[in-house]
């Protein structure tokens, strides 16, 4: 019988599998492995964001929230630096003693005046510098870095330099005032000159920082507004007052609040400006701030309970500032 060779065999697919064969079913172990990986993937998607942000909350709990709560608890006790574990309950006596203390009110008044003297010129100068840098200038990057350099300078180094500048006998400021007919000023012992000198250090350090914030906000203003104002015949000053300032209201409010909070916590500048390098803020406490008063009570007089009460009083003042900021910002949003 003859054999036919003209009928071709069915083609074989790659891998040697016969055509039309159904895929092999996964084994029970493979199924369990896939289910385990799926559950792990779901847990990873759900909990990974919390793991990423947990370092911040752990550090805040250890170095922020716990000290705040413990300070509040210590403010209700009589605690001395010599025996910090011996706490005697006194209730609100530390707070009542503070409010009856003339040195506390003197420090609060000095903090307010230094804050005004330093904040108002600082923000006005920052606005002017930002407005100048908002236009195209050669080497604008250099000017921006130069403005930020004082902020990066150490408080100790800056304060010591200004102590030399404001020296009574050999200071450069009195040397310059001598040429315009003004007698030498005792910047470290007179009340208002000492506060002006301390405010000058703060202005020098923070003006460039606020200027860069204003500059960033100015560059975010749409150019269409300026072009429309120019078509209406507005010059640069009119554009600044009617376009730039209204657009910067949220940023201005932010810098005012931040500068106010910073002014209430001024410590390093008056501490290093004192000729005796003490926490009294001058021989007559003429530029002692709340920060210096807290330091004097806690680490010089070693009354930790009273220092804790001062710290919580400052904290409550900042809360009031935050509430005022919230009310003003809501009214500004409503008006706009």
Foldseek 3Di string as FASTA:
>chain_A
DDDDDPDDDDDADPPRDDPPDDDDDDDPVVVVVVVVVVVVVVVCVVCVVVVVCVVVVVCCVVPPVVVLVVLVVLLQWWAFLVHRVDTHGNGCPLVVVLVVDPLNVLQAVLLVVLLVLQQVVLLVLLLVVLVVLLDDDPPSVVVLVVLQVLQVDDLLVLLVVLLQQLPQPRHVVQVVVVVVPDHGDHQQADQPSVSNSLSVSSSSNCSSVLSVLLNVQQVPFDCVLVVVCVVVPDDPVRCCVPPSVLSCVVVVLVSSLVSSLVSLQDDSNQQSSHPVSALCSHPPSSNRHLNSVLCCVCPVVRGSNSSSSSVVVSVVVSVVSVVVSVVVVVVSVVVD
